[in-house]
PDB file of all heavy atoms in Angstrom:
ATOM      1  N   THR A   1     123.129 102.971  93.335  1.00  0.00           N
ATOM      2  CA  THR A   1     123.769 104.218  93.725  1.00  0.00           C
ATOM      3  C   THR A   1     124.280 104.135  95.111  1.00  0.00           C
ATOM      4  O   THR A   1     125.342 104.691  95.523  1.00  0.00           O
ATOM      5  CB  THR A   1     122.784 105.462  93.600  1.00  0.00           C
ATOM      6  OG1 THR A   1     122.238 105.437  92.242  1.00  0.00           O
ATOM      7  CG2 THR A   1     123.492 106.785  93.804  1.00  0.00           C
ATOM      8  N   GLY A   2     123.463 103.559  95.989  1.00  0.00           N
ATOM      9  CA  GLY A   2     123.780 103.572  97.441  1.00  0.00           C
ATOM     10  C   GLY A   2     124.607 102.415  97.930  1.00  0.00           C
ATOM     11  O   GLY A   2     125.225 102.455  99.019  1.00  0.00           O
ATOM     12  N   GLY A   3     124.785 101.372  97.111  1.00  0.00           N
ATOM     13  CA  GLY A   3     125.662 100.300  97.447  1.00  0.00           C
ATOM     14  C   GLY A   3     124.941  99.123  98.163  1.00  0.00           C
ATOM     15  O   GLY A   3     123.799  99.163  98.410  1.00  0.00           O
ATOM     16  N   GLN A   4     125.742  98.095  98.413  1.00  0.00           N
ATOM     17  CA  GLN A   4     125.190  96.872  98.954  1.00  0.00           C
ATOM     18  C   GLN A   4     124.608  96.954 100.368  1.00  0.00           C
ATOM     19  O   GLN A   4     123.851  96.113 100.767  1.00  0.00           O
ATOM     20  CB  GLN A   4     126.245  95.718  98.820  1.00  0.00           C
ATOM     21  CG  GLN A   4     126.747  95.424  97.436  1.00  0.00           C
ATOM     22  CD  GLN A   4     125.672  94.896  96.489  1.00  0.00           C
ATOM     23  OE1 GLN A   4     124.874  94.067  96.952  1.00  0.00           O
ATOM     24  NE2 GLN A   4     125.657  95.394  95.315  1.00  0.00           N
ATOM     25  N   VAL A   5     125.107  97.964 101.078  1.00  0.00           N
ATOM     26  CA  VAL A   5     124.678  98.121 102.452  1.00  0.00           C
ATOM     27  C   VAL A   5     123.167  98.372 102.516  1.00  0.00           C
ATOM     28  O   VAL A   5     122.536  98.080 103.514  1.00  0.00           O
ATOM     29  CB  VAL A   5     125.473  99.212 103.161  1.00  0.00           C
ATOM     30  CG1 VAL A   5     125.013  99.562 104.575  1.00  0.00           C
ATOM     31  CG2 VAL A   5     126.936  98.855 103.182  1.00  0.00           C
ATOM     32  N   LEU A   6     122.640  98.941 101.457  1.00  0.00           N
ATOM     33  CA  LEU A   6     121.177  99.200 101.471  1.00  0.00           C
ATOM     34  C   LEU A   6     120.316  97.954 101.540  1.00  0.00           C
ATOM     35  O   LEU A   6     119.251  97.907 102.099  1.00  0.00           O
ATOM     36  CB  LEU A   6     120.773  99.994 100.133  1.00  0.00           C
ATOM     37  CG  LEU A   6     121.227 101.452 100.133  1.00  0.00           C
ATOM     38  CD1 LEU A   6     120.733 102.047  98.835  1.00  0.00           C
ATOM     39  CD2 LEU A   6     120.575 102.151 101.296  1.00  0.00           C
ATOM     40  N   TYR A   7     120.922  96.836 101.095  1.00  0.00           N
ATOM     41  CA  TYR A   7     120.255  95.521 101.258  1.00  0.00           C
ATOM     42  C   TYR A   7     120.089  95.200 102.752  1.00  0.00           C
ATOM     43  O   TYR A   7     119.095  94.703 103.198  1.00  0.00           O
ATOM     44  CB  TYR A   7     120.885  94.404 100.540  1.00  0.00           C
ATOM     45  CG  TYR A   7     120.683  94.452  99.039  1.00  0.00           C
ATOM     46  CD1 TYR A   7     121.862  94.606  98.209  1.00  0.00           C
ATOM     47  CD2 TYR A   7     119.501  94.416  98.442  1.00  0.00           C
ATOM     48  CE1 TYR A   7     121.752  94.682  96.811  1.00  0.00           C
ATOM     49  CE2 TYR A   7     119.334  94.495  97.047  1.00  0.00           C
ATOM     50  CZ  TYR A   7     120.487  94.620  96.253  1.00  0.00           C
ATOM     51  OH  TYR A   7     120.356  94.686  94.922  1.00  0.00           O
ATOM     52  N   VAL A   8     121.110  95.395 103.493  1.00  0.00           N
ATOM     53  CA  VAL A   8     121.175  95.165 104.914  1.00  0.00           C
ATOM     54  C   VAL A   8     120.116  96.140 105.657  1.00  0.00           C
ATOM     55  O   VAL A   8     119.396  95.699 106.530  1.00  0.00           O
ATOM     56  CB  VAL A   8     122.528  95.332 105.509  1.00  0.00           C
ATOM     57  CG1 VAL A   8     122.534  95.054 107.011  1.00  0.00           C
ATOM     58  CG2 VAL A   8     123.519  94.381 104.805  1.00  0.00           C
ATOM     59  N   VAL A   9     120.097  97.385 105.241  1.00  0.00           N
ATOM     60  CA  VAL A   9     119.097  98.320 105.748  1.00  0.00           C
ATOM     61  C   VAL A   9     117.717  97.771 105.478  1.00  0.00           C
ATOM     62  O   VAL A   9     116.803  97.784 106.374  1.00  0.00           O
ATOM     63  CB  VAL A   9     119.328  99.747 105.232  1.00  0.00           C
ATOM     64  CG1 VAL A   9     118.161 100.613 105.612  1.00  0.00           C
ATOM     65  CG2 VAL A   9     120.594 100.298 105.754  1.00  0.00           C
ATOM     66  N   ALA A  10     117.536  97.302 104.248  1.00  0.00           N
ATOM     67  CA  ALA A  10     116.180  96.876 103.821  1.00  0.00           C
ATOM     68  C   ALA A  10     115.748  95.631 104.616  1.00  0.00           C
ATOM     69  O   ALA A  10     114.599  95.496 105.025  1.00  0.00           O
ATOM     70  CB  ALA A  10     116.204  96.550 102.325  1.00  0.00           C
ATOM     71  N   ILE A  11     116.682  94.752 104.865  1.00  0.00           N
ATOM     72  CA  ILE A  11     116.340  93.540 105.649  1.00  0.00           C
ATOM     73  C   ILE A  11     115.993  93.967 107.114  1.00  0.00           C
ATOM     74  O   ILE A  11     115.012  93.457 107.677  1.00  0.00           O
ATOM     75  CB  ILE A  11     117.534  92.567 105.688  1.00  0.00           C
ATOM     76  CG1 ILE A  11     117.683  91.904 104.207  1.00  0.00           C
ATOM     77  CG2 ILE A  11     117.377  91.444 106.705  1.00  0.00           C
ATOM     78  CD1 ILE A  11     119.017  91.118 103.972  1.00  0.00           C
ATOM     79  N   ALA A  12     116.772  94.781 107.705  1.00  0.00           N
ATOM     80  CA  ALA A  12     116.518  95.323 109.080  1.00  0.00           C
ATOM     81  C   ALA A  12     115.112  96.000 109.114  1.00  0.00           C
ATOM     82  O   ALA A  12     114.305  95.806 110.034  1.00  0.00           O
ATOM     83  CB  ALA A  12     117.602  96.201 109.538  1.00  0.00           C
ATOM     84  N   LEU A  13     114.847  96.754 108.099  1.00  0.00           N
ATOM     85  CA  LEU A  13     113.592  97.585 108.039  1.00  0.00           C
ATOM     86  C   LEU A  13     112.420  96.609 107.852  1.00  0.00           C
ATOM     87  O   LEU A  13     111.374  96.709 108.559  1.00  0.00           O
ATOM     88  CB  LEU A  13     113.603  98.517 106.846  1.00  0.00           C
ATOM     89  CG  LEU A  13     112.391  99.412 106.716  1.00  0.00           C
ATOM     90  CD1 LEU A  13     112.154 100.334 107.922  1.00  0.00           C
ATOM     91  CD2 LEU A  13     112.435 100.194 105.423  1.00  0.00           C
ATOM     92  N   PHE A  14     112.589  95.570 107.005  1.00  0.00           N
ATOM     93  CA  PHE A  14     111.540  94.581 106.856  1.00  0.00           C
ATOM     94  C   PHE A  14     111.213  93.813 108.056  1.00  0.00           C
ATOM     95  O   PHE A  14     110.128  93.644 108.399  1.00  0.00           O
ATOM     96  CB  PHE A  14     111.974  93.669 105.631  1.00  0.00           C
ATOM     97  CG  PHE A  14     110.938  92.538 105.355  1.00  0.00           C
ATOM     98  CD1 PHE A  14     109.787  92.783 104.769  1.00  0.00           C
ATOM     99  CD2 PHE A  14     111.220  91.276 105.817  1.00  0.00           C
ATOM    100  CE1 PHE A  14     108.898  91.779 104.543  1.00  0.00           C
ATOM    101  CE2 PHE A  14     110.302  90.186 105.575  1.00  0.00           C
ATOM    102  CZ  PHE A  14     109.083  90.499 104.948  1.00  0.00           C
ATOM    103  N   LEU A  15     112.322  93.336 108.719  1.00  0.00           N
ATOM    104  CA  LEU A  15     112.109  92.595 109.971  1.00  0.00           C
ATOM    105  C   LEU A  15     111.452  93.449 111.032  1.00  0.00           C
ATOM    106  O   LEU A  15     110.510  92.926 111.707  1.00  0.00           O
ATOM    107  CB  LEU A  15     113.481  92.087 110.417  1.00  0.00           C
ATOM    108  CG  LEU A  15     113.494  91.164 111.685  1.00  0.00           C
ATOM    109  CD1 LEU A  15     112.564  89.927 111.453  1.00  0.00           C
ATOM    110  CD2 LEU A  15     114.890  90.760 111.984  1.00  0.00           C
ATOM    111  N   MET A  16     111.862  94.726 111.143  1.00  0.00           N
ATOM    112  CA  MET A  16     111.321  95.537 112.111  1.00  0.00           C
ATOM    113  C   MET A  16     109.841  95.752 111.910  1.00  0.00           C
ATOM    114  O   MET A  16     108.970  95.693 112.766  1.00  0.00           O
ATOM    115  CB  MET A  16     111.981  96.933 112.126  1.00  0.00           C
ATOM    116  CG  MET A  16     111.458  97.991 113.021  1.00  0.00           C
ATOM    117  SD  MET A  16     112.454  99.466 112.988  1.00  0.00           S
ATOM    118  CE  MET A  16     112.061 100.092 111.309  1.00  0.00           C
ATOM    119  N   TRP A  17     109.353  95.984 110.639  1.00  0.00           N
ATOM    120  CA  TRP A  17     108.008  96.190 110.310  1.00  0.00           C
ATOM    121  C   TRP A  17     107.194  94.966 110.496  1.00  0.00           C
ATOM    122  O   TRP A  17     106.038  95.053 110.873  1.00  0.00           O
ATOM    123  CB  TRP A  17     107.814  96.861 109.001  1.00  0.00           C
ATOM    124  CG  TRP A  17     107.960  98.360 109.047  1.00  0.00           C
ATOM    125  CD1 TRP A  17     109.094  99.073 108.760  1.00  0.00           C
ATOM    126  CD2 TRP A  17     107.025  99.202 109.521  1.00  0.00           C
ATOM    127  NE1 TRP A  17     108.885 100.373 109.081  1.00  0.00           N
ATOM    128  CE2 TRP A  17     107.534 100.493 109.561  1.00  0.00           C
ATOM    129  CE3 TRP A  17     105.703  99.089 109.980  1.00  0.00           C
ATOM    130  CZ2 TRP A  17     106.872 101.582 109.935  1.00  0.00           C
ATOM    131  CZ3 TRP A  17     104.990 100.175 110.378  1.00  0.00           C
ATOM    132  CH2 TRP A  17     105.667 101.456 110.315  1.00  0.00           C
ATOM    133  N   VAL A  18     107.777  93.807 110.164  1.00  0.00           N
ATOM    134  CA  VAL A  18     107.008  92.550 110.377  1.00  0.00           C
ATOM    135  C   VAL A  18     106.760  92.363 111.822  1.00  0.00           C
ATOM    136  O   VAL A  18     105.590  92.070 112.224  1.00  0.00           O
ATOM    137  CB  VAL A  18     107.812  91.304 109.778  1.00  0.00           C
ATOM    138  CG1 VAL A  18     107.272  89.983 110.321  1.00  0.00           C
ATOM    139  CG2 VAL A  18     107.763  91.350 108.236  1.00  0.00           C
ATOM    140  N   LEU A  19     107.663  92.601 112.675  1.00  0.00           N
ATOM    141  CA  LEU A  19     107.566  92.529 114.121  1.00  0.00           C
ATOM    142  C   LEU A  19     106.563  93.538 114.682  1.00  0.00           C
ATOM    143  O   LEU A  19     105.688  93.183 115.499  1.00  0.00           O
ATOM    144  CB  LEU A  19     108.868  92.641 114.844  1.00  0.00           C
ATOM    145  CG  LEU A  19     109.848  91.452 114.609  1.00  0.00           C
ATOM    146  CD1 LEU A  19     111.191  91.835 115.223  1.00  0.00           C
ATOM    147  CD2 LEU A  19     109.339  90.187 115.223  1.00  0.00           C
ATOM    148  N   MET A  20     106.557  94.741 114.163  1.00  0.00           N
ATOM    149  CA  MET A  20     105.613  95.819 114.581  1.00  0.00           C
ATOM    150  C   MET A  20     104.214  95.437 114.142  1.00  0.00           C
ATOM    151  O   MET A  20     103.291  95.644 114.971  1.00  0.00           O
ATOM    152  CB  MET A  20     106.048  97.108 114.159  1.00  0.00           C
ATOM    153  CG  MET A  20     107.238  97.699 114.890  1.00  0.00           C
ATOM    154  SD  MET A  20     107.540  99.468 114.748  1.00  0.00           S
ATOM    155  CE  MET A  20     108.055  99.544 113.030  1.00  0.00           C
ATOM    156  N   ILE A  21     104.012  94.957 112.960  1.00  0.00           N
ATOM    157  CA  ILE A  21     102.696  94.573 112.525  1.00  0.00           C
ATOM    158  C   ILE A  21     102.160  93.431 113.308  1.00  0.00           C
ATOM    159  O   ILE A  21     100.969  93.433 113.674  1.00  0.00           O
ATOM    160  CB  ILE A  21     102.730  94.278 110.957  1.00  0.00           C
ATOM    161  CG1 ILE A  21     103.003  95.571 110.176  1.00  0.00           C
ATOM    162  CG2 ILE A  21     101.438  93.564 110.517  1.00  0.00           C
ATOM    163  CD1 ILE A  21     103.265  95.361 108.711  1.00  0.00           C
ATOM    164  N   GLU A  22     103.091  92.466 113.615  1.00  0.00           N
ATOM    165  CA  GLU A  22     102.642  91.374 114.515  1.00  0.00           C
ATOM    166  C   GLU A  22     102.219  91.883 115.850  1.00  0.00           C
ATOM    167  O   GLU A  22     101.193  91.440 116.452  1.00  0.00           O
ATOM    168  CB  GLU A  22     103.794  90.365 114.649  1.00  0.00           C
ATOM    169  CG  GLU A  22     103.447  89.041 115.386  1.00  0.00           C
ATOM    170  CD  GLU A  22     103.562  89.204 116.890  1.00  0.00           C
ATOM    171  OE1 GLU A  22     104.449  90.059 117.343  1.00  0.00           O
ATOM    172  OE2 GLU A  22     102.822  88.533 117.631  1.00  0.00           O
ATOM    173  N   ARG A  23     102.926  92.798 116.418  1.00  0.00           N
ATOM    174  CA  ARG A  23     102.501  93.339 117.748  1.00  0.00           C
ATOM    175  C   ARG A  23     101.173  94.078 117.623  1.00  0.00           C
ATOM    176  O   ARG A  23     100.392  93.968 118.590  1.00  0.00           O
ATOM    177  CB  ARG A  23     103.585  94.267 118.270  1.00  0.00           C
ATOM    178  CG  ARG A  23     104.899  93.605 118.729  1.00  0.00           C
ATOM    179  CD  ARG A  23     104.735  92.862 120.028  1.00  0.00           C
ATOM    180  NE  ARG A  23     104.179  91.521 119.835  1.00  0.00           N
ATOM    181  CZ  ARG A  23     103.641  90.742 120.734  1.00  0.00           C
ATOM    182  NH1 ARG A  23     103.506  91.202 121.986  1.00  0.00           N
ATOM    183  NH2 ARG A  23     103.067  89.669 120.503  1.00  0.00           N
ATOM    184  N   TYR A  24     100.988  94.875 116.522  1.00  0.00           N
ATOM    185  CA  TYR A  24      99.670  95.572 116.383  1.00  0.00           C
ATOM    186  C   TYR A  24      98.573  94.516 116.309  1.00  0.00           C
ATOM    187  O   TYR A  24      97.448  94.654 116.879  1.00  0.00           O
ATOM    188  CB  TYR A  24      99.643  96.510 115.231  1.00  0.00           C
ATOM    189  CG  TYR A  24     100.193  97.852 115.468  1.00  0.00           C
ATOM    190  CD1 TYR A  24     101.343  98.295 114.990  1.00  0.00           C
ATOM    191  CD2 TYR A  24      99.509  98.742 116.242  1.00  0.00           C
ATOM    192  CE1 TYR A  24     101.854  99.550 115.296  1.00  0.00           C
ATOM    193  CE2 TYR A  24      99.909  99.994 116.609  1.00  0.00           C
ATOM    194  CZ  TYR A  24     101.111 100.452 116.080  1.00  0.00           C
ATOM    195  OH  TYR A  24     101.581 101.608 116.361  1.00  0.00           O
ATOM    196  N   TRP A  25      98.818  93.435 115.583  1.00  0.00           N
ATOM    197  CA  TRP A  25      97.857  92.382 115.394  1.00  0.00           C
ATOM    198  C   TRP A  25      97.590  91.779 116.801  1.00  0.00           C
ATOM    199  O   TRP A  25      96.386  91.559 117.128  1.00  0.00           O
ATOM    200  CB  TRP A  25      98.315  91.283 114.466  1.00  0.00           C
ATOM    201  CG  TRP A  25      97.471  90.095 114.410  1.00  0.00           C
ATOM    202  CD1 TRP A  25      97.605  88.936 115.075  1.00  0.00           C
ATOM    203  CD2 TRP A  25      96.210  89.950 113.724  1.00  0.00           C
ATOM    204  NE1 TRP A  25      96.594  88.092 114.847  1.00  0.00           N
ATOM    205  CE2 TRP A  25      95.731  88.706 114.018  1.00  0.00           C
ATOM    206  CE3 TRP A  25      95.540  90.803 112.881  1.00  0.00           C
ATOM    207  CZ2 TRP A  25      94.526  88.222 113.456  1.00  0.00           C
ATOM    208  CZ3 TRP A  25      94.286  90.359 112.367  1.00  0.00           C
ATOM    209  CH2 TRP A  25      93.878  89.041 112.687  1.00  0.00           C
ATOM    210  N   PHE A  26      98.558  91.459 117.615  1.00  0.00           N
ATOM    211  CA  PHE A  26      98.381  90.950 118.901  1.00  0.00           C
ATOM    212  C   PHE A  26      97.520  91.910 119.738  1.00  0.00           C
ATOM    213  O   PHE A  26      96.600  91.457 120.428  1.00  0.00           O
ATOM    214  CB  PHE A  26      99.686  90.637 119.592  1.00  0.00           C
ATOM    215  CG  PHE A  26      99.531  90.126 120.983  1.00  0.00           C
ATOM    216  CD1 PHE A  26      99.237  88.789 121.175  1.00  0.00           C
ATOM    217  CD2 PHE A  26      99.683  90.927 122.053  1.00  0.00           C
ATOM    218  CE1 PHE A  26      99.007  88.242 122.453  1.00  0.00           C
ATOM    219  CE2 PHE A  26      99.514  90.414 123.313  1.00  0.00           C
ATOM    220  CZ  PHE A  26      99.171  89.111 123.546  1.00  0.00           C
ATOM    221  N   LEU A  27      97.840  93.191 119.711  1.00  0.00           N
ATOM    222  CA  LEU A  27      97.087  94.167 120.571  1.00  0.00           C
ATOM    223  C   LEU A  27      95.698  94.272 120.120  1.00  0.00           C
ATOM    224  O   LEU A  27      94.841  94.529 121.047  1.00  0.00           O
ATOM    225  CB  LEU A  27      97.833  95.520 120.444  1.00  0.00           C
ATOM    226  CG  LEU A  27      99.021  95.675 121.395  1.00  0.00           C
ATOM    227  CD1 LEU A  27      99.793  96.942 121.078  1.00  0.00           C
ATOM    228  CD2 LEU A  27      98.545  95.666 122.853  1.00  0.00           C
ATOM    229  N   THR A  28      95.389  94.200 118.875  1.00  0.00           N
ATOM    230  CA  THR A  28      93.995  94.500 118.444  1.00  0.00           C
ATOM    231  C   THR A  28      93.167  93.205 118.302  1.00  0.00           C
ATOM    232  O   THR A  28      91.897  93.321 118.514  1.00  0.00           O
ATOM    233  CB  THR A  28      93.975  95.271 117.088  1.00  0.00           C
ATOM    234  OG1 THR A  28      94.720  94.461 116.086  1.00  0.00           O
ATOM    235  CG2 THR A  28      94.656  96.619 117.223  1.00  0.00           C
ATOM    236  N   ALA A  29      93.803  92.068 118.016  1.00  0.00           N
ATOM    237  CA  ALA A  29      92.939  90.901 117.816  1.00  0.00           C
ATOM    238  C   ALA A  29      93.164  89.871 118.892  1.00  0.00           C
ATOM    239  O   ALA A  29      92.198  89.247 119.312  1.00  0.00           O
ATOM    240  CB  ALA A  29      93.331  90.250 116.442  1.00  0.00           C
ATOM    241  N   GLU A  30      94.328  89.561 119.281  1.00  0.00           N
ATOM    242  CA  GLU A  30      94.620  88.520 120.226  1.00  0.00           C
ATOM    243  C   GLU A  30      94.474  88.908 121.698  1.00  0.00           C
ATOM    244  O   GLU A  30      93.854  88.205 122.512  1.00  0.00           O
ATOM    245  CB  GLU A  30      95.993  87.969 120.034  1.00  0.00           C
ATOM    246  CG  GLU A  30      96.231  87.388 118.617  1.00  0.00           C
ATOM    247  CD  GLU A  30      95.488  86.214 118.334  1.00  0.00           C
ATOM    248  OE1 GLU A  30      95.204  85.404 119.244  1.00  0.00           O
ATOM    249  OE2 GLU A  30      94.992  86.069 117.172  1.00  0.00           O
ATOM    250  N   PHE A  31      94.974  90.027 122.048  1.00  0.00           N
ATOM    251  CA  PHE A  31      94.946  90.431 123.485  1.00  0.00           C
ATOM    252  C   PHE A  31      93.523  90.670 124.062  1.00  0.00           C
ATOM    253  O   PHE A  31      93.353  90.282 125.157  1.00  0.00           O
ATOM    254  CB  PHE A  31      95.862  91.705 123.705  1.00  0.00           C
ATOM    255  CG  PHE A  31      95.952  91.979 125.238  1.00  0.00           C
ATOM    256  CD1 PHE A  31      96.673  91.151 126.026  1.00  0.00           C
ATOM    257  CD2 PHE A  31      95.241  93.124 125.716  1.00  0.00           C
ATOM    258  CE1 PHE A  31      96.760  91.514 127.402  1.00  0.00           C
ATOM    259  CE2 PHE A  31      95.306  93.380 127.077  1.00  0.00           C
ATOM    260  CZ  PHE A  31      96.047  92.601 127.909  1.00  0.00           C
ATOM    261  N   PRO A  32      92.641  91.253 123.246  1.00  0.00           N
ATOM    262  CA  PRO A  32      91.276  91.424 123.852  1.00  0.00           C
ATOM    263  C   PRO A  32      90.633  90.052 124.194  1.00  0.00           C
ATOM    264  O   PRO A  32      89.968  90.010 125.232  1.00  0.00           O
ATOM    265  CB  PRO A  32      90.533  92.080 122.717  1.00  0.00           C
ATOM    266  CG  PRO A  32      91.519  92.827 122.011  1.00  0.00           C
ATOM    267  CD  PRO A  32      92.765  91.997 121.992  1.00  0.00           C
ATOM    268  N   ARG A  33      90.882  88.996 123.424  1.00  0.00           N
ATOM    269  CA  ARG A  33      90.378  87.670 123.819  1.00  0.00           C
ATOM    270  C   ARG A  33      91.050  87.160 125.086  1.00  0.00           C
ATOM    271  O   ARG A  33      90.421  86.657 125.976  1.00  0.00           O
ATOM    272  CB  ARG A  33      90.626  86.667 122.671  1.00  0.00           C
ATOM    273  CG  ARG A  33      89.619  86.930 121.546  1.00  0.00           C
ATOM    274  CD  ARG A  33      89.629  85.709 120.642  1.00  0.00           C
ATOM    275  NE  ARG A  33      90.921  85.534 119.960  1.00  0.00           N
ATOM    276  CZ  ARG A  33      91.089  85.896 118.641  1.00  0.00           C
ATOM    277  NH1 ARG A  33      90.112  86.418 117.916  1.00  0.00           N
ATOM    278  NH2 ARG A  33      92.229  85.717 118.086  1.00  0.00           N
ATOM    279  N   MET A  34      92.318  87.411 125.160  1.00  0.00           N
ATOM    280  CA  MET A  34      93.131  86.983 126.339  1.00  0.00           C
ATOM    281  C   MET A  34      92.644  87.765 127.600  1.00  0.00           C
ATOM    282  O   MET A  34      92.478  87.205 128.594  1.00  0.00           O
ATOM    283  CB  MET A  34      94.623  87.250 126.109  1.00  0.00           C
ATOM    284  CG  MET A  34      95.573  86.854 127.188  1.00  0.00           C
ATOM    285  SD  MET A  34      97.197  87.260 126.750  1.00  0.00           S
ATOM    286  CE  MET A  34      98.064  86.853 128.232  1.00  0.00           C
ATOM    287  N   ARG A  35      92.408  89.052 127.447  1.00  0.00           N
ATOM    288  CA  ARG A  35      91.948  89.859 128.536  1.00  0.00           C
ATOM    289  C   ARG A  35      90.612  89.391 128.941  1.00  0.00           C
ATOM    290  O   ARG A  35      90.430  89.297 130.213  1.00  0.00           O
ATOM    291  CB  ARG A  35      91.928  91.335 128.039  1.00  0.00           C
ATOM    292  CG  ARG A  35      91.445  92.327 129.042  1.00  0.00           C
ATOM    293  CD  ARG A  35      91.339  93.751 128.433  1.00  0.00           C
ATOM    294  NE  ARG A  35      90.645  94.593 129.274  1.00  0.00           N
ATOM    295  CZ  ARG A  35      89.326  94.733 129.404  1.00  0.00           C
ATOM    296  NH1 ARG A  35      88.538  93.918 128.659  1.00  0.00           N
ATOM    297  NH2 ARG A  35      88.778  95.600 130.251  1.00  0.00           N
ATOM    298  N   ASN A  36      89.641  89.232 128.016  1.00  0.00           N
ATOM    299  CA  ASN A  36      88.328  88.664 128.419  1.00  0.00           C
ATOM    300  C   ASN A  36      88.408  87.309 129.174  1.00  0.00           C
ATOM    301  O   ASN A  36      87.626  87.121 130.094  1.00  0.00           O
ATOM    302  CB  ASN A  36      87.492  88.576 127.166  1.00  0.00           C
ATOM    303  CG  ASN A  36      87.155  89.971 126.601  1.00  0.00           C
ATOM    304  OD1 ASN A  36      87.306  90.944 127.240  1.00  0.00           O
ATOM    305  ND2 ASN A  36      86.759  89.932 125.306  1.00  0.00           N
ATOM    306  N   SER A  37      89.304  86.516 128.714  1.00  0.00           N
ATOM    307  CA  SER A  37      89.436  85.189 129.463  1.00  0.00           C
ATOM    308  C   SER A  37      90.005  85.365 130.809  1.00  0.00           C
ATOM    309  O   SER A  37      89.517  84.735 131.778  1.00  0.00           O
ATOM    310  CB  SER A  37      90.416  84.358 128.636  1.00  0.00           C
ATOM    311  OG  SER A  37      90.752  83.131 129.360  1.00  0.00           O
ATOM    312  N   ILE A  38      90.921  86.228 130.974  1.00  0.00           N
ATOM    313  CA  ILE A  38      91.464  86.489 132.363  1.00  0.00           C
ATOM    314  C   ILE A  38      90.373  87.104 133.276  1.00  0.00           C
ATOM    315  O   ILE A  38      90.238  86.755 134.427  1.00  0.00           O
ATOM    316  CB  ILE A  38      92.720  87.415 132.290  1.00  0.00           C
ATOM    317  CG1 ILE A  38      93.880  86.702 131.672  1.00  0.00           C
ATOM    318  CG2 ILE A  38      93.080  87.870 133.656  1.00  0.00           C
ATOM    319  CD1 ILE A  38      95.114  87.558 131.238  1.00  0.00           C
ATOM    320  N   VAL A  39      89.721  88.067 132.735  1.00  0.00           N
ATOM    321  CA  VAL A  39      88.601  88.738 133.494  1.00  0.00           C
ATOM    322  C   VAL A  39      87.501  87.711 133.885  1.00  0.00           C
ATOM    323  O   VAL A  39      87.066  87.667 134.983  1.00  0.00           O
ATOM    324  CB  VAL A  39      88.029  89.972 132.774  1.00  0.00           C
ATOM    325  CG1 VAL A  39      86.783  90.531 133.465  1.00  0.00           C
ATOM    326  CG2 VAL A  39      89.044  91.075 132.588  1.00  0.00           C
ATOM    327  N   ALA A  40      87.164  86.857 132.925  1.00  0.00           N
ATOM    328  CA  ALA A  40      86.144  85.844 133.204  1.00  0.00           C
ATOM    329  C   ALA A  40      86.656  84.910 134.266  1.00  0.00           C
ATOM    330  O   ALA A  40      85.844  84.501 135.170  1.00  0.00           O
ATOM    331  CB  ALA A  40      85.748  85.084 131.915  1.00  0.00           C
TER     332      ALA A  40
END
């Protein structure tokens, strides 16, 4: 119903969410270790 442009919206949305999930992962799992290393 919406046309082929919706595929492009879906790709942009997918990429955006993959990047945001990666950033949340970095903030919650990776950065605390990095922070502790710097403080130590």
